[in-house]
ModelCIF file with pLDDT and N, C-alpha, C, O atoms, coordinates in Angstrom:
data_MODEL
#
_entry.id   MODEL 
#
_entity.id                         1 
_entity.type                       polymer 
_entity.pdbx_number_of_molecules   1 
#
_entity_poly.entity_id                      1 
_entity_poly.type                           'polypeptide(L)' 
_entity_poly.nstd_linkage                   no 
_entity_poly.nstd_monomer                   no 
_entity_poly.pdbx_seq_one_letter_code       
;(UNK)(UNK)(UNK)(UNK)(UNK)(UNK)(UNK)(UNK)(UNK)(UNK)(UNK)(UNK)(UNK)(UNK)(UNK)(UNK)
(UNK)(UNK)(UNK)(UNK)(UNK)(UNK)(UNK)(UNK)(UNK)(UNK)(UNK)(UNK)(UNK)(UNK)(UNK)(UNK)
(UNK)(UNK)(UNK)(UNK)(UNK)(UNK)(UNK)(UNK)(UNK)(UNK)(UNK)
;
_entity_poly.pdbx_seq_one_letter_code_can   XXXXXXXXXXXXXXXXXXXXXXXXXXXXXXXXXXXXXXXXXXX 
_entity_poly.pdbx_strand_id                 A 
#
loop_
_entity_poly_seq.entity_id 
_entity_poly_seq.num 
_entity_poly_seq.mon_id 
_entity_poly_seq.hetero 
1 1  UNK n 
1 2  UNK n 
1 3  UNK n 
1 4  UNK n 
1 5  UNK n 
1 6  UNK n 
1 7  UNK n 
1 8  UNK n 
1 9  UNK n 
1 10 UNK n 
1 11 UNK n 
1 12 UNK n 
1 13 UNK n 
1 14 UNK n 
1 15 UNK n 
1 16 UNK n 
1 17 UNK n 
1 18 UNK n 
1 19 UNK n 
1 20 UNK n 
1 21 UNK n 
1 22 UNK n 
1 23 UNK n 
1 24 UNK n 
1 25 UNK n 
1 26 UNK n 
1 27 UNK n 
1 28 UNK n 
1 29 UNK n 
1 30 UNK n 
1 31 UNK n 
1 32 UNK n 
1 33 UNK n 
1 34 UNK n 
1 35 UNK n 
1 36 UNK n 
1 37 UNK n 
1 38 UNK n 
1 39 UNK n 
1 40 UNK n 
1 41 UNK n 
1 42 UNK n 
1 43 UNK n 
#
_struct_asym.id          A 
_struct_asym.entity_id   1 
#
loop_
_ma_qa_metric.id 
_ma_qa_metric.mode 
_ma_qa_metric.name 
_ma_qa_metric.software_group_id 
_ma_qa_metric.type 
1 global pLDDT . pLDDT 
2 local  pLDDT . pLDDT 
#
_ma_qa_metric_global.metric_id      1 
_ma_qa_metric_global.metric_value   96.00 
_ma_qa_metric_global.model_id       1 
_ma_qa_metric_global.ordinal_id     1 
#
loop_
_ma_qa_metric_local.label_asym_id 
_ma_qa_metric_local.label_comp_id 
_ma_qa_metric_local.label_seq_id 
_ma_qa_metric_local.metric_id 
_ma_qa_metric_local.metric_value 
_ma_qa_metric_local.model_id 
_ma_qa_metric_local.ordinal_id 
A UNK 1  2 97.00 1 1  
A UNK 2  2 98.00 1 2  
A UNK 3  2 98.00 1 3  
A UNK 4  2 97.00 1 4  
A UNK 5  2 98.00 1 5  
A UNK 6  2 98.00 1 6  
A UNK 7  2 98.00 1 7  
A UNK 8  2 98.00 1 8  
A UNK 9  2 98.00 1 9  
A UNK 10 2 98.00 1 10 
A UNK 11 2 97.00 1 11 
A UNK 12 2 96.00 1 12 
A UNK 13 2 94.00 1 13 
A UNK 14 2 93.00 1 14 
A UNK 15 2 89.00 1 15 
A UNK 16 2 91.00 1 16 
A UNK 17 2 93.00 1 17 
A UNK 18 2 93.00 1 18 
A UNK 19 2 95.00 1 19 
A UNK 20 2 96.00 1 20 
A UNK 21 2 97.00 1 21 
A UNK 22 2 98.00 1 22 
A UNK 23 2 98.00 1 23 
A UNK 24 2 98.00 1 24 
A UNK 25 2 98.00 1 25 
A UNK 26 2 98.00 1 26 
A UNK 27 2 98.00 1 27 
A UNK 28 2 98.00 1 28 
A UNK 29 2 97.00 1 29 
A UNK 30 2 97.00 1 30 
A UNK 31 2 98.00 1 31 
A UNK 32 2 98.00 1 32 
A UNK 33 2 98.00 1 33 
A UNK 34 2 98.00 1 34 
A UNK 35 2 98.00 1 35 
A UNK 36 2 98.00 1 36 
A UNK 37 2 98.00 1 37 
A UNK 38 2 97.00 1 38 
A UNK 39 2 96.00 1 39 
A UNK 40 2 95.00 1 40 
A UNK 41 2 92.00 1 41 
A UNK 42 2 87.00 1 42 
A UNK 43 2 83.00 1 43 
#
loop_
_atom_site.group_PDB 
_atom_site.id 
_atom_site.type_symbol 
_atom_site.label_atom_id 
_atom_site.label_alt_id 
_atom_site.label_comp_id 
_atom_site.label_asym_id 
_atom_site.label_entity_id 
_atom_site.label_seq_id 
_atom_site.pdbx_PDB_ins_code 
_atom_site.Cartn_x 
_atom_site.Cartn_y 
_atom_site.Cartn_z 
_atom_site.occupancy 
_atom_site.B_iso_or_equiv 
_atom_site.pdbx_formal_charge 
_atom_site.auth_seq_id 
_atom_site.auth_comp_id 
_atom_site.auth_asym_id 
_atom_site.auth_atom_id 
_atom_site.pdbx_PDB_model_num 
ATOM 1   N N  . UNK A 1 1  ? 9.061  -0.024 -12.398 1.00 97.00 ? 1  UNK A N  1 
ATOM 2   C CA . UNK A 1 1  ? 9.869  0.507  -13.491 1.00 97.00 ? 1  UNK A CA 1 
ATOM 3   C C  . UNK A 1 1  ? 9.180  0.240  -14.832 1.00 97.00 ? 1  UNK A C  1 
ATOM 4   O O  . UNK A 1 1  ? 8.468  -0.749 -15.005 1.00 97.00 ? 1  UNK A O  1 
ATOM 5   N N  . UNK A 1 2  ? 9.414  1.141  -15.757 1.00 98.00 ? 2  UNK A N  1 
ATOM 6   C CA . UNK A 1 2  ? 9.031  0.879  -17.138 1.00 98.00 ? 2  UNK A CA 1 
ATOM 7   C C  . UNK A 1 2  ? 9.934  -0.224 -17.687 1.00 98.00 ? 2  UNK A C  1 
ATOM 8   O O  . UNK A 1 2  ? 11.094 -0.341 -17.292 1.00 98.00 ? 2  UNK A O  1 
ATOM 9   N N  . UNK A 1 3  ? 9.399  -1.019 -18.586 1.00 98.00 ? 3  UNK A N  1 
ATOM 10  C CA . UNK A 1 3  ? 10.184 -2.119 -19.157 1.00 98.00 ? 3  UNK A CA 1 
ATOM 11  C C  . UNK A 1 3  ? 11.454 -1.615 -19.836 1.00 98.00 ? 3  UNK A C  1 
ATOM 12  O O  . UNK A 1 3  ? 12.475 -2.303 -19.847 1.00 98.00 ? 3  UNK A O  1 
ATOM 13  N N  . UNK A 1 4  ? 11.386 -0.422 -20.398 1.00 97.00 ? 4  UNK A N  1 
ATOM 14  C CA . UNK A 1 4  ? 12.511 0.114  -21.161 1.00 97.00 ? 4  UNK A CA 1 
ATOM 15  C C  . UNK A 1 4  ? 13.722 0.468  -20.288 1.00 97.00 ? 4  UNK A C  1 
ATOM 16  O O  . UNK A 1 4  ? 14.833 0.615  -20.798 1.00 97.00 ? 4  UNK A O  1 
ATOM 17  N N  . UNK A 1 5  ? 13.506 0.605  -18.972 1.00 98.00 ? 5  UNK A N  1 
ATOM 18  C CA . UNK A 1 5  ? 14.613 0.985  -18.093 1.00 98.00 ? 5  UNK A CA 1 
ATOM 19  C C  . UNK A 1 5  ? 14.907 -0.070 -17.034 1.00 98.00 ? 5  UNK A C  1 
ATOM 20  O O  . UNK A 1 5  ? 15.868 0.058  -16.275 1.00 98.00 ? 5  UNK A O  1 
ATOM 21  N N  . UNK A 1 6  ? 14.095 -1.096 -16.985 1.00 98.00 ? 6  UNK A N  1 
ATOM 22  C CA . UNK A 1 6  ? 14.262 -2.121 -15.957 1.00 98.00 ? 6  UNK A CA 1 
ATOM 23  C C  . UNK A 1 6  ? 15.640 -2.760 -16.070 1.00 98.00 ? 6  UNK A C  1 
ATOM 24  O O  . UNK A 1 6  ? 16.068 -3.144 -17.158 1.00 98.00 ? 6  UNK A O  1 
ATOM 25  N N  . UNK A 1 7  ? 16.328 -2.871 -14.942 1.00 98.00 ? 7  UNK A N  1 
ATOM 26  C CA . UNK A 1 7  ? 17.665 -3.440 -14.924 1.00 98.00 ? 7  UNK A CA 1 
ATOM 27  C C  . UNK A 1 7  ? 18.763 -2.421 -15.144 1.00 98.00 ? 7  UNK A C  1 
ATOM 28  O O  . UNK A 1 7  ? 19.935 -2.717 -14.911 1.00 98.00 ? 7  UNK A O  1 
ATOM 29  N N  . UNK A 1 8  ? 18.401 -1.218 -15.590 1.00 98.00 ? 8  UNK A N  1 
ATOM 30  C CA . UNK A 1 8  ? 19.396 -0.159 -15.827 1.00 98.00 ? 8  UNK A CA 1 
ATOM 31  C C  . UNK A 1 8  ? 19.218 1.025  -14.873 1.00 98.00 ? 8  UNK A C  1 
ATOM 32  O O  . UNK A 1 8  ? 20.198 1.657  -14.478 1.00 98.00 ? 8  UNK A O  1 
ATOM 33  N N  . UNK A 1 9  ? 17.999 1.319  -14.514 1.00 98.00 ? 9  UNK A N  1 
ATOM 34  C CA . UNK A 1 9  ? 17.691 2.462  -13.638 1.00 98.00 ? 9  UNK A CA 1 
ATOM 35  C C  . UNK A 1 9  ? 17.271 1.953  -12.257 1.00 98.00 ? 9  UNK A C  1 
ATOM 36  O O  . UNK A 1 9  ? 16.666 0.890  -12.122 1.00 98.00 ? 9  UNK A O  1 
ATOM 37  N N  . UNK A 1 10 ? 17.608 2.740  -11.248 1.00 98.00 ? 10 UNK A N  1 
ATOM 38  C CA . UNK A 1 10 ? 17.206 2.422  -9.878  1.00 98.00 ? 10 UNK A CA 1 
ATOM 39  C C  . UNK A 1 10 ? 16.671 3.681  -9.199  1.00 98.00 ? 10 UNK A C  1 
ATOM 40  O O  . UNK A 1 10 ? 17.343 4.712  -9.159  1.00 98.00 ? 10 UNK A O  1 
ATOM 41  N N  . UNK A 1 11 ? 15.465 3.582  -8.671  1.00 97.00 ? 11 UNK A N  1 
ATOM 42  C CA . UNK A 1 11 ? 14.867 4.698  -7.933  1.00 97.00 ? 11 UNK A CA 1 
ATOM 43  C C  . UNK A 1 11 ? 15.018 4.423  -6.435  1.00 97.00 ? 11 UNK A C  1 
ATOM 44  O O  . UNK A 1 11 ? 14.862 3.292  -5.975  1.00 97.00 ? 11 UNK A O  1 
ATOM 45  N N  . UNK A 1 12 ? 15.323 5.474  -5.696  1.00 96.00 ? 12 UNK A N  1 
ATOM 46  C CA . UNK A 1 12 ? 15.463 5.357  -4.244  1.00 96.00 ? 12 UNK A CA 1 
ATOM 47  C C  . UNK A 1 12 ? 15.050 6.677  -3.605  1.00 96.00 ? 12 UNK A C  1 
ATOM 48  O O  . UNK A 1 12 ? 14.904 7.689  -4.290  1.00 96.00 ? 12 UNK A O  1 
ATOM 49  N N  . UNK A 1 13 ? 14.867 6.658  -2.306  1.00 94.00 ? 13 UNK A N  1 
ATOM 50  C CA . UNK A 1 13 ? 14.490 7.884  -1.614  1.00 94.00 ? 13 UNK A CA 1 
ATOM 51  C C  . UNK A 1 13 ? 15.128 7.919  -0.240  1.00 94.00 ? 13 UNK A C  1 
ATOM 52  O O  . UNK A 1 13 ? 15.417 6.882  0.357   1.00 94.00 ? 13 UNK A O  1 
ATOM 53  N N  . UNK A 1 14 ? 15.343 9.123  0.246   1.00 93.00 ? 14 UNK A N  1 
ATOM 54  C CA . UNK A 1 14 ? 15.849 9.343  1.587   1.00 93.00 ? 14 UNK A CA 1 
ATOM 55  C C  . UNK A 1 14 ? 14.871 10.299 2.254   1.00 93.00 ? 14 UNK A C  1 
ATOM 56  O O  . UNK A 1 14 ? 14.931 11.508 2.031   1.00 93.00 ? 14 UNK A O  1 
ATOM 57  N N  . UNK A 1 15 ? 13.980 9.766  3.062   1.00 89.00 ? 15 UNK A N  1 
ATOM 58  C CA . UNK A 1 15 ? 12.939 10.591 3.668   1.00 89.00 ? 15 UNK A CA 1 
ATOM 59  C C  . UNK A 1 15 ? 13.516 11.594 4.663   1.00 89.00 ? 15 UNK A C  1 
ATOM 60  O O  . UNK A 1 15 ? 12.920 12.644 4.906   1.00 89.00 ? 15 UNK A O  1 
ATOM 61  N N  . UNK A 1 16 ? 14.670 11.273 5.235   1.00 91.00 ? 16 UNK A N  1 
ATOM 62  C CA . UNK A 1 16 ? 15.307 12.217 6.161   1.00 91.00 ? 16 UNK A CA 1 
ATOM 63  C C  . UNK A 1 16 ? 15.818 13.460 5.432   1.00 91.00 ? 16 UNK A C  1 
ATOM 64  O O  . UNK A 1 16 ? 15.907 14.541 6.014   1.00 91.00 ? 16 UNK A O  1 
ATOM 65  N N  . UNK A 1 17 ? 16.155 13.290 4.146   1.00 93.00 ? 17 UNK A N  1 
ATOM 66  C CA . UNK A 1 17 ? 16.655 14.408 3.346   1.00 93.00 ? 17 UNK A CA 1 
ATOM 67  C C  . UNK A 1 17 ? 15.599 14.952 2.392   1.00 93.00 ? 17 UNK A C  1 
ATOM 68  O O  . UNK A 1 17 ? 15.870 15.875 1.624   1.00 93.00 ? 17 UNK A O  1 
ATOM 69  N N  . UNK A 1 18 ? 14.392 14.383 2.439   1.00 93.00 ? 18 UNK A N  1 
ATOM 70  C CA . UNK A 1 18 ? 13.315 14.809 1.537   1.00 93.00 ? 18 UNK A CA 1 
ATOM 71  C C  . UNK A 1 18 ? 13.753 14.779 0.083   1.00 93.00 ? 18 UNK A C  1 
ATOM 72  O O  . UNK A 1 18 ? 13.484 15.709 -0.677  1.00 93.00 ? 18 UNK A O  1 
ATOM 73  N N  . UNK A 1 19 ? 14.419 13.720 -0.290  1.00 95.00 ? 19 UNK A N  1 
ATOM 74  C CA . UNK A 1 19 ? 14.988 13.626 -1.630  1.00 95.00 ? 19 UNK A CA 1 
ATOM 75  C C  . UNK A 1 19 ? 14.725 12.250 -2.230  1.00 95.00 ? 19 UNK A C  1 
ATOM 76  O O  . UNK A 1 19 ? 14.792 11.230 -1.543  1.00 95.00 ? 19 UNK A O  1 
ATOM 77  N N  . UNK A 1 20 ? 14.428 12.244 -3.511  1.00 96.00 ? 20 UNK A N  1 
ATOM 78  C CA . UNK A 1 20 ? 14.297 11.012 -4.279  1.00 96.00 ? 20 UNK A CA 1 
ATOM 79  C C  . UNK A 1 20 ? 15.364 11.035 -5.372  1.00 96.00 ? 20 UNK A C  1 
ATOM 80  O O  . UNK A 1 20 ? 15.707 12.093 -5.899  1.00 96.00 ? 20 UNK A O  1 
ATOM 81  N N  . UNK A 1 21 ? 15.878 9.858  -5.701  1.00 97.00 ? 21 UNK A N  1 
ATOM 82  C CA . UNK A 1 21 ? 16.978 9.741  -6.649  1.00 97.00 ? 21 UNK A CA 1 
ATOM 83  C C  . UNK A 1 21 ? 16.598 8.810  -7.795  1.00 97.00 ? 21 UNK A C  1 
ATOM 84  O O  . UNK A 1 21 ? 15.736 7.941  -7.659  1.00 97.00 ? 21 UNK A O  1 
ATOM 85  N N  . UNK A 1 22 ? 17.257 9.013  -8.912  1.00 98.00 ? 22 UNK A N  1 
ATOM 86  C CA . UNK A 1 22 ? 17.150 8.090  -10.036 1.00 98.00 ? 22 UNK A CA 1 
ATOM 87  C C  . UNK A 1 22 ? 18.556 7.828  -10.555 1.00 98.00 ? 22 UNK A C  1 
ATOM 88  O O  . UNK A 1 22 ? 19.148 8.669  -11.231 1.00 98.00 ? 22 UNK A O  1 
ATOM 89  N N  . UNK A 1 23 ? 19.082 6.653  -10.230 1.00 98.00 ? 23 UNK A N  1 
ATOM 90  C CA . UNK A 1 23 ? 20.389 6.246  -10.734 1.00 98.00 ? 23 UNK A CA 1 
ATOM 91  C C  . UNK A 1 23 ? 20.194 5.610  -12.097 1.00 98.00 ? 23 UNK A C  1 
ATOM 92  O O  . UNK A 1 23 ? 19.455 4.636  -12.234 1.00 98.00 ? 23 UNK A O  1 
ATOM 93  N N  . UNK A 1 24 ? 20.856 6.161  -13.105 1.00 98.00 ? 24 UNK A N  1 
ATOM 94  C CA . UNK A 1 24 ? 20.688 5.693  -14.473 1.00 98.00 ? 24 UNK A CA 1 
ATOM 95  C C  . UNK A 1 24 ? 22.029 5.157  -14.977 1.00 98.00 ? 24 UNK A C  1 
ATOM 96  O O  . UNK A 1 24 ? 23.004 5.900  -15.091 1.00 98.00 ? 24 UNK A O  1 
ATOM 97  N N  . UNK A 1 25 ? 22.062 3.874  -15.272 1.00 98.00 ? 25 UNK A N  1 
ATOM 98  C CA . UNK A 1 25 ? 23.269 3.223  -15.779 1.00 98.00 ? 25 UNK A CA 1 
ATOM 99  C C  . UNK A 1 25 ? 23.028 2.712  -17.192 1.00 98.00 ? 25 UNK A C  1 
ATOM 100 O O  . UNK A 1 25 ? 21.888 2.600  -17.642 1.00 98.00 ? 25 UNK A O  1 
ATOM 101 N N  . UNK A 1 26 ? 24.116 2.405  -17.882 1.00 98.00 ? 26 UNK A N  1 
ATOM 102 C CA . UNK A 1 26 ? 24.039 1.857  -19.241 1.00 98.00 ? 26 UNK A CA 1 
ATOM 103 C C  . UNK A 1 26 ? 23.130 2.705  -20.115 1.00 98.00 ? 26 UNK A C  1 
ATOM 104 O O  . UNK A 1 26 ? 22.263 2.180  -20.813 1.00 98.00 ? 26 UNK A O  1 
ATOM 105 N N  . UNK A 1 27 ? 23.324 3.995  -20.077 1.00 98.00 ? 27 UNK A N  1 
ATOM 106 C CA . UNK A 1 27 ? 22.438 4.904  -20.796 1.00 98.00 ? 27 UNK A CA 1 
ATOM 107 C C  . UNK A 1 27 ? 22.540 4.715  -22.296 1.00 98.00 ? 27 UNK A C  1 
ATOM 108 O O  . UNK A 1 27 ? 23.600 4.398  -22.835 1.00 98.00 ? 27 UNK A O  1 
ATOM 109 N N  . UNK A 1 28 ? 21.404 4.918  -22.958 1.00 98.00 ? 28 UNK A N  1 
ATOM 110 C CA . UNK A 1 28 ? 21.285 4.775  -24.405 1.00 98.00 ? 28 UNK A CA 1 
ATOM 111 C C  . UNK A 1 28 ? 20.825 6.098  -25.016 1.00 98.00 ? 28 UNK A C  1 
ATOM 112 O O  . UNK A 1 28 ? 20.213 6.912  -24.324 1.00 98.00 ? 28 UNK A O  1 
ATOM 113 N N  . UNK A 1 29 ? 21.105 6.324  -26.281 1.00 97.00 ? 29 UNK A N  1 
ATOM 114 C CA . UNK A 1 29 ? 20.629 7.567  -26.913 1.00 97.00 ? 29 UNK A CA 1 
ATOM 115 C C  . UNK A 1 29 ? 19.117 7.750  -26.785 1.00 97.00 ? 29 UNK A C  1 
ATOM 116 O O  . UNK A 1 29 ? 18.633 8.877  -26.687 1.00 97.00 ? 29 UNK A O  1 
ATOM 117 N N  . UNK A 1 30 ? 18.382 6.659  -26.786 1.00 97.00 ? 30 UNK A N  1 
ATOM 118 C CA . UNK A 1 30 ? 16.925 6.766  -26.671 1.00 97.00 ? 30 UNK A CA 1 
ATOM 119 C C  . UNK A 1 30 ? 16.464 7.155  -25.272 1.00 97.00 ? 30 UNK A C  1 
ATOM 120 O O  . UNK A 1 30 ? 15.270 7.371  -25.061 1.00 97.00 ? 30 UNK A O  1 
ATOM 121 N N  . UNK A 1 31 ? 17.375 7.249  -24.319 1.00 98.00 ? 31 UNK A N  1 
ATOM 122 C CA . UNK A 1 31 ? 17.033 7.770  -22.993 1.00 98.00 ? 31 UNK A CA 1 
ATOM 123 C C  . UNK A 1 31 ? 17.055 9.295  -22.962 1.00 98.00 ? 31 UNK A C  1 
ATOM 124 O O  . UNK A 1 31 ? 16.684 9.901  -21.957 1.00 98.00 ? 31 UNK A O  1 
ATOM 125 N N  . UNK A 1 32 ? 17.483 9.908  -24.042 1.00 98.00 ? 32 UNK A N  1 
ATOM 126 C CA . UNK A 1 32 ? 17.530 11.370 -24.110 1.00 98.00 ? 32 UNK A CA 1 
ATOM 127 C C  . UNK A 1 32 ? 16.137 11.956 -23.961 1.00 98.00 ? 32 UNK A C  1 
ATOM 128 O O  . UNK A 1 32 ? 15.218 11.601 -24.699 1.00 98.00 ? 32 UNK A O  1 
ATOM 129 N N  . UNK A 1 33 ? 15.990 12.859 -22.995 1.00 98.00 ? 33 UNK A N  1 
ATOM 130 C CA . UNK A 1 33 ? 14.681 13.468 -22.701 1.00 98.00 ? 33 UNK A CA 1 
ATOM 131 C C  . UNK A 1 33 ? 14.851 14.465 -21.568 1.00 98.00 ? 33 UNK A C  1 
ATOM 132 O O  . UNK A 1 33 ? 15.910 14.562 -20.947 1.00 98.00 ? 33 UNK A O  1 
ATOM 133 N N  . UNK A 1 34 ? 13.777 15.204 -21.318 1.00 98.00 ? 34 UNK A N  1 
ATOM 134 C CA . UNK A 1 34 ? 13.678 15.974 -20.081 1.00 98.00 ? 34 UNK A CA 1 
ATOM 135 C C  . UNK A 1 34 ? 13.061 15.049 -19.041 1.00 98.00 ? 34 UNK A C  1 
ATOM 136 O O  . UNK A 1 34 ? 12.018 14.440 -19.279 1.00 98.00 ? 34 UNK A O  1 
ATOM 137 N N  . UNK A 1 35 ? 13.704 14.949 -17.904 1.00 98.00 ? 35 UNK A N  1 
ATOM 138 C CA . UNK A 1 35 ? 13.245 14.074 -16.831 1.00 98.00 ? 35 UNK A CA 1 
ATOM 139 C C  . UNK A 1 35 ? 12.576 14.904 -15.737 1.00 98.00 ? 35 UNK A C  1 
ATOM 140 O O  . UNK A 1 35 ? 13.097 15.927 -15.294 1.00 98.00 ? 35 UNK A O  1 
ATOM 141 N N  . UNK A 1 36 ? 11.412 14.428 -15.323 1.00 98.00 ? 36 UNK A N  1 
ATOM 142 C CA . UNK A 1 36 ? 10.626 15.113 -14.310 1.00 98.00 ? 36 UNK A CA 1 
ATOM 143 C C  . UNK A 1 36 ? 10.388 14.195 -13.113 1.00 98.00 ? 36 UNK A C  1 
ATOM 144 O O  . UNK A 1 36 ? 10.167 12.995 -13.278 1.00 98.00 ? 36 UNK A O  1 
ATOM 145 N N  . UNK A 1 37 ? 10.433 14.757 -11.919 1.00 98.00 ? 37 UNK A N  1 
ATOM 146 C CA . UNK A 1 37 ? 9.935  14.015 -10.778 1.00 98.00 ? 37 UNK A CA 1 
ATOM 147 C C  . UNK A 1 37 ? 8.546  14.557 -10.435 1.00 98.00 ? 37 UNK A C  1 
ATOM 148 O O  . UNK A 1 37 ? 8.213  15.705 -10.729 1.00 98.00 ? 37 UNK A O  1 
ATOM 149 N N  . UNK A 1 38 ? 7.758  13.701 -9.809  1.00 97.00 ? 38 UNK A N  1 
ATOM 150 C CA . UNK A 1 38 ? 6.377  14.048 -9.493  1.00 97.00 ? 38 UNK A CA 1 
ATOM 151 C C  . UNK A 1 38 ? 5.975  13.374 -8.191  1.00 97.00 ? 38 UNK A C  1 
ATOM 152 O O  . UNK A 1 38 ? 6.532  12.346 -7.807  1.00 97.00 ? 38 UNK A O  1 
ATOM 153 N N  . UNK A 1 39 ? 4.996  13.972 -7.518  1.00 96.00 ? 39 UNK A N  1 
ATOM 154 C CA . UNK A 1 39 ? 4.556  13.458 -6.226  1.00 96.00 ? 39 UNK A CA 1 
ATOM 155 C C  . UNK A 1 39 ? 3.046  13.299 -6.198  1.00 96.00 ? 39 UNK A C  1 
ATOM 156 O O  . UNK A 1 39 ? 2.311  14.099 -6.777  1.00 96.00 ? 39 UNK A O  1 
ATOM 157 N N  . UNK A 1 40 ? 2.597  12.258 -5.517  1.00 95.00 ? 40 UNK A N  1 
ATOM 158 C CA . UNK A 1 40 ? 1.162  12.018 -5.315  1.00 95.00 ? 40 UNK A CA 1 
ATOM 159 C C  . UNK A 1 40 ? 0.959  11.583 -3.870  1.00 95.00 ? 40 UNK A C  1 
ATOM 160 O O  . UNK A 1 40 ? 1.704  10.755 -3.345  1.00 95.00 ? 40 UNK A O  1 
ATOM 161 N N  . UNK A 1 41 ? -0.052 12.149 -3.244  1.00 92.00 ? 41 UNK A N  1 
ATOM 162 C CA . UNK A 1 41 ? -0.386 11.768 -1.874  1.00 92.00 ? 41 UNK A CA 1 
ATOM 163 C C  . UNK A 1 41 ? -0.787 10.304 -1.879  1.00 92.00 ? 41 UNK A C  1 
ATOM 164 O O  . UNK A 1 41 ? -1.707 9.919  -2.600  1.00 92.00 ? 41 UNK A O  1 
ATOM 165 N N  . UNK A 1 42 ? -0.114 9.482  -1.087  1.00 87.00 ? 42 UNK A N  1 
ATOM 166 C CA . UNK A 1 42 ? -0.327 8.047  -1.122  1.00 87.00 ? 42 UNK A CA 1 
ATOM 167 C C  . UNK A 1 42 ? -1.018 7.585  0.145   1.00 87.00 ? 42 UNK A C  1 
ATOM 168 O O  . UNK A 1 42 ? -0.539 7.843  1.249   1.00 87.00 ? 42 UNK A O  1 
ATOM 169 N N  . UNK A 1 43 ? -2.147 6.900  -0.010  1.00 83.00 ? 43 UNK A N  1 
ATOM 170 C CA . UNK A 1 43 ? -2.893 6.380  1.130   1.00 83.00 ? 43 UNK A CA 1 
ATOM 171 C C  . UNK A 1 43 ? -2.757 4.866  1.263   1.00 83.00 ? 43 UNK A C  1 
ATOM 172 O O  . UNK A 1 43 ? -3.328 4.273  2.177   1.00 83.00 ? 43 UNK A O  1 
#
């Protein structure tokens, strides 16, 4: 996690559903943005 979201955001994935999630709690105005997910082949 980035330091700015640590303790407030949680990332998780469900490989059976091919889905990744980002739970965002205690949101702040400075969290305002366009959010993107991205993938990289991991070895």
